[in-house]
Amino acid sequence: WLSTEDFPKQWDDLPKSLKSINGQNGFRVEWVNENLKSHKKYLYSLQNRDQIVITVDDDTYYDDMMVSTLMESYRKHPYAVSARNVHIITRQGEKLSPYEGWAQSATEFIGVERMDLCAIGVNGILYPPYCGNERWFNREQIKKFAPNQDDLWLKFHEIIDGIPTVYTGMEGQDQVIEGSQESALYTENGKGGANDSCILGLLDELKNNDRNI
């Protein structure tokens, strides 16, 4: 899913290597006029509600086992989100810990459905059919509360809807594409504090609507 704001000339702006594989083996490029940044990778696909959707980031070469690992987890946990990378949401007293303090090793929870696991998109996430609804796709709310935080936005709504996350373990080895991290979001979102601001805004929105998680 590519935005015409990023590629105003559409196909003429794409490299030949990408254009040459369009239409092969099920691969295709879809154009949208709006630019919801990282949210593009799930928002349009999940609205095909009877489909299994696997999302990936575009800055990584994925191990050949990625799809089979996620599908194996889905067969065992058909009503959960399956992810090859997760963070454990932790607390400090009655409050959530800062995002940078969330535990990043969850090997003891492999194959266990949990609500305190946040799926991280960089290594691949599988969403089961019918897991999204119109609230997930509210563009104005996305822009207001989580413009660059697709993982947190999705986790927020998964919690509201009671959808657990399963950590599949990290079988195989993904490889980050060289040079792709020069403007990576994780620097701004994590160390820059944008993720914490996003979380606070989402929690305040819940309180304002008399809902708790």
Protein backbone atom coordinates (compact mmCIF):
# COMPACT_ATOMS: atom_id res chain seq x y z
CA TRP A 1 0.00 0.00 0.00
CA LEU A 2 1.66 3.20 -1.21
CA SER A 3 0.46 6.76 -0.87
CA THR A 4 0.35 9.12 -3.83
CA GLU A 5 1.56 11.80 -1.41
CA ASP A 6 4.87 9.93 -1.20
CA PHE A 7 4.87 8.89 -4.86
CA PRO A 8 2.99 11.60 -6.81
CA LYS A 9 3.97 10.06 -10.15
CA GLN A 10 2.97 6.61 -8.90
CA TRP A 11 4.58 3.98 -11.12
CA ASP A 12 7.10 6.43 -12.56
CA ASP A 13 8.43 7.02 -9.03
CA LEU A 14 9.10 3.34 -8.34
CA PRO A 15 12.35 1.52 -9.12
CA LYS A 16 12.39 -0.93 -12.01
CA SER A 17 13.18 -3.78 -9.62
CA LEU A 18 9.82 -3.27 -7.90
CA LYS A 19 7.81 -2.66 -11.04
CA SER A 20 9.21 -5.80 -12.61
CA ILE A 21 7.70 -8.09 -9.96
CA ASN A 22 4.28 -6.45 -9.80
CA GLY A 23 1.68 -9.08 -10.66
CA GLN A 24 4.04 -12.00 -10.07
CA ASN A 25 3.33 -14.71 -7.49
CA GLY A 26 0.44 -12.71 -6.04
CA PHE A 27 2.49 -9.57 -5.43
CA ARG A 28 0.89 -6.26 -6.30
CA VAL A 29 1.13 -2.59 -5.40
CA GLU A 30 -2.04 -0.78 -4.31
CA TRP A 31 -2.29 3.03 -4.42
CA VAL A 32 -4.13 5.22 -1.89
CA ASN A 33 -4.49 8.99 -1.86
CA GLU A 34 -4.26 9.48 1.89
CA ASN A 35 -1.04 8.98 3.83
CA LEU A 36 -1.53 7.21 7.16
CA LYS A 37 2.16 6.29 7.29
CA SER A 38 2.82 2.96 9.02
CA HIS A 39 -0.91 2.36 9.48
CA LYS A 40 -1.23 1.70 5.74
CA LYS A 41 0.14 -1.81 6.13
CA TYR A 42 -2.92 -3.08 8.03
CA LEU A 43 -5.77 -0.59 7.67
CA TYR A 44 -6.97 -1.49 4.18
CA SER A 45 -6.20 -5.20 4.36
CA LEU A 46 -7.95 -5.82 7.68
CA GLN A 47 -11.18 -4.42 6.25
CA ASN A 48 -11.37 -7.63 4.19
CA ARG A 49 -12.75 -9.12 7.34
CA ASP A 50 -12.91 -12.79 6.36
CA GLN A 51 -9.21 -12.95 5.51
CA ILE A 52 -6.11 -13.88 7.47
CA VAL A 53 -3.76 -10.87 7.26
CA ILE A 54 0.01 -10.97 7.84
CA THR A 55 1.73 -7.60 8.09
CA VAL A 56 5.45 -6.92 7.74
CA ASP A 57 7.66 -3.85 7.75
CA ASP A 58 9.32 -2.81 4.50
CA ASP A 59 12.84 -2.42 5.90
CA THR A 60 13.58 -6.10 6.49
CA TYR A 61 14.47 -9.25 4.57
CA TYR A 62 12.35 -12.00 6.14
CA ASP A 63 13.39 -15.54 6.92
CA ASP A 64 11.73 -18.24 4.82
CA MET A 65 10.08 -19.58 8.00
CA MET A 66 8.20 -16.37 8.77
CA VAL A 67 4.85 -17.24 7.20
CA SER A 68 4.83 -20.89 8.28
CA THR A 69 5.70 -19.91 11.87
CA LEU A 70 2.79 -17.47 12.03
CA MET A 71 0.36 -19.88 10.36
CA GLU A 72 1.29 -22.69 12.74
CA SER A 73 0.51 -20.39 15.66
CA TYR A 74 -2.78 -19.34 14.06
CA ARG A 75 -3.93 -22.95 13.75
CA LYS A 76 -3.38 -23.40 17.49
CA HIS A 77 -4.72 -19.96 18.47
CA PRO A 78 -7.29 -18.96 15.82
CA TYR A 79 -8.74 -16.08 17.85
CA ALA A 80 -5.45 -14.47 18.90
CA VAL A 81 -2.93 -12.18 17.24
CA SER A 82 0.29 -14.10 16.56
CA ALA A 83 3.63 -12.28 16.48
CA ARG A 84 7.29 -13.19 16.06
CA ASN A 85 8.36 -10.21 18.18
CA VAL A 86 6.64 -8.86 21.28
CA HIS A 87 7.21 -6.58 24.25
CA ILE A 88 5.77 -7.38 27.66
CA ILE A 89 3.70 -4.49 29.01
CA THR A 90 4.88 -3.86 32.58
CA ARG A 91 3.69 -1.70 35.45
CA GLN A 92 5.20 0.49 38.11
CA GLY A 93 2.69 0.36 40.92
CA GLU A 94 -0.70 1.35 39.51
CA LYS A 95 0.75 2.92 36.36
CA LEU A 96 2.23 1.50 33.20
CA SER A 97 6.00 1.56 32.97
CA PRO A 98 7.55 3.86 30.35
CA TYR A 99 7.65 2.13 26.97
CA GLU A 100 11.44 1.80 27.05
CA GLY A 101 11.04 -0.22 30.26
CA TRP A 102 8.75 -2.85 28.75
CA ALA A 103 10.43 -6.26 28.79
CA GLN A 104 11.65 -7.39 25.37
CA SER A 105 12.30 -11.05 26.17
CA ALA A 106 9.22 -13.24 26.35
CA THR A 107 10.64 -16.69 25.67
CA GLU A 108 8.90 -18.08 28.77
CA PHE A 109 5.54 -17.18 27.19
CA ILE A 110 5.99 -18.79 23.77
CA GLY A 111 2.68 -20.26 22.65
CA VAL A 112 0.69 -18.67 25.50
CA GLU A 113 -2.24 -16.32 24.89
CA ARG A 114 -1.72 -13.17 26.96
CA MET A 115 -3.19 -9.70 27.13
CA ASP A 116 0.04 -8.07 28.34
CA LEU A 117 2.02 -8.87 25.18
CA CYS A 118 2.29 -6.11 22.59
CA ALA A 119 2.97 -7.38 19.07
CA ILE A 120 5.87 -5.57 17.36
CA GLY A 121 5.47 -5.31 13.61
CA VAL A 122 9.10 -5.43 12.55
CA ASN A 123 9.25 -9.25 12.43
CA GLY A 124 5.76 -10.07 11.17
CA ILE A 125 2.30 -10.20 12.77
CA LEU A 126 -0.71 -12.37 11.87
CA TYR A 127 -4.23 -11.04 12.43
CA PRO A 128 -7.05 -13.61 12.40
CA PRO A 129 -10.23 -13.06 10.39
CA TYR A 130 -12.88 -10.72 11.81
CA CYS A 131 -10.55 -9.18 14.43
CA GLY A 132 -10.93 -5.58 13.29
CA ASN A 133 -13.88 -3.21 13.38
CA GLU A 134 -14.64 0.38 12.40
CA ARG A 135 -13.08 1.73 15.61
CA TRP A 136 -9.72 0.31 14.51
CA PHE A 137 -9.94 2.22 11.22
CA ASN A 138 -10.96 5.65 12.53
CA ARG A 139 -8.59 7.84 10.55
CA GLU A 140 -9.14 11.02 12.56
CA GLN A 141 -8.47 9.20 15.83
CA ILE A 142 -5.34 7.59 14.36
CA LYS A 143 -3.99 10.98 13.32
CA LYS A 144 -4.83 12.50 16.70
CA PHE A 145 -3.58 9.82 19.07
CA ALA A 146 -1.11 7.55 17.24
CA PRO A 147 0.13 9.04 13.95
CA ASN A 148 3.32 6.95 13.98
CA GLN A 149 2.47 4.27 16.56
CA ASP A 150 0.63 1.54 14.69
CA ASP A 151 1.70 -1.19 17.14
CA LEU A 152 0.33 0.72 20.13
CA TRP A 153 -2.86 1.79 18.34
CA LEU A 154 -3.63 -1.82 17.43
CA LYS A 155 -2.80 -3.14 20.90
CA PHE A 156 -5.08 -0.53 22.45
CA HIS A 157 -8.04 -1.80 20.42
CA GLU A 158 -7.11 -5.46 20.86
CA ILE A 159 -7.34 -4.94 24.62
CA ILE A 160 -10.72 -3.23 24.32
CA ASP A 161 -12.00 -6.14 22.22
CA GLY A 162 -10.43 -8.83 24.43
CA ILE A 163 -8.10 -10.19 21.73
CA PRO A 164 -4.95 -11.78 23.21
CA THR A 165 -1.49 -11.92 21.65
CA VAL A 166 0.63 -15.06 21.24
CA TYR A 167 4.40 -14.94 20.95
CA THR A 168 5.50 -17.53 18.39
CA GLY A 169 9.17 -17.39 19.18
CA MET A 170 11.72 -16.18 16.67
CA GLU A 171 12.50 -19.14 14.46
CA GLY A 172 14.83 -18.20 11.63
CA GLN A 173 16.74 -14.97 11.18
CA ASP A 174 15.45 -11.75 9.64
CA GLN A 175 17.88 -9.18 8.28
CA VAL A 176 17.41 -5.42 8.38
CA ILE A 177 18.02 -3.83 4.98
CA GLU A 178 21.24 -1.84 5.03
CA GLY A 179 20.69 1.90 5.29
CA SER A 180 16.98 1.61 6.07
CA GLN A 181 17.29 2.69 9.71
CA GLU A 182 18.67 6.18 9.12
CA SER A 183 15.23 7.68 9.76
CA ALA A 184 13.65 4.74 11.59
CA LEU A 185 10.58 5.46 13.69
CA TYR A 186 11.79 3.49 16.69
CA THR A 187 14.28 6.23 17.60
CA GLU A 188 11.60 8.93 17.80
CA ASN A 189 8.91 6.67 19.23
CA GLY A 190 10.95 4.90 21.89
CA LYS A 191 13.90 6.95 23.04
CA GLY A 192 12.26 10.17 21.91
CA GLY A 193 9.26 9.58 24.14
CA ALA A 194 6.59 9.66 21.42
CA ASN A 195 5.35 6.19 22.39
CA ASP A 196 4.77 7.28 25.99
CA SER A 197 2.84 10.35 24.82
CA CYS A 198 0.74 8.10 22.61
CA ILE A 199 -0.03 5.71 25.48
CA LEU A 200 -1.05 8.55 27.80
CA GLY A 201 -3.34 10.00 25.16
CA LEU A 202 -5.03 6.68 24.50
CA LEU A 203 -5.53 6.00 28.23
CA ASP A 204 -6.99 9.48 28.73
CA GLU A 205 -9.40 8.84 25.87
CA LEU A 206 -10.58 5.68 27.60
CA LYS A 207 -11.14 7.52 30.87
CA ASN A 208 -13.05 10.26 29.09
CA ASN A 209 -15.36 7.59 27.69
CA ASP A 210 -15.75 5.83 31.08
CA ARG A 211 -13.88 2.73 29.97
CA ASN A 212 -11.07 0.90 31.70
CA ILE A 213 -8.41 -1.57 30.61
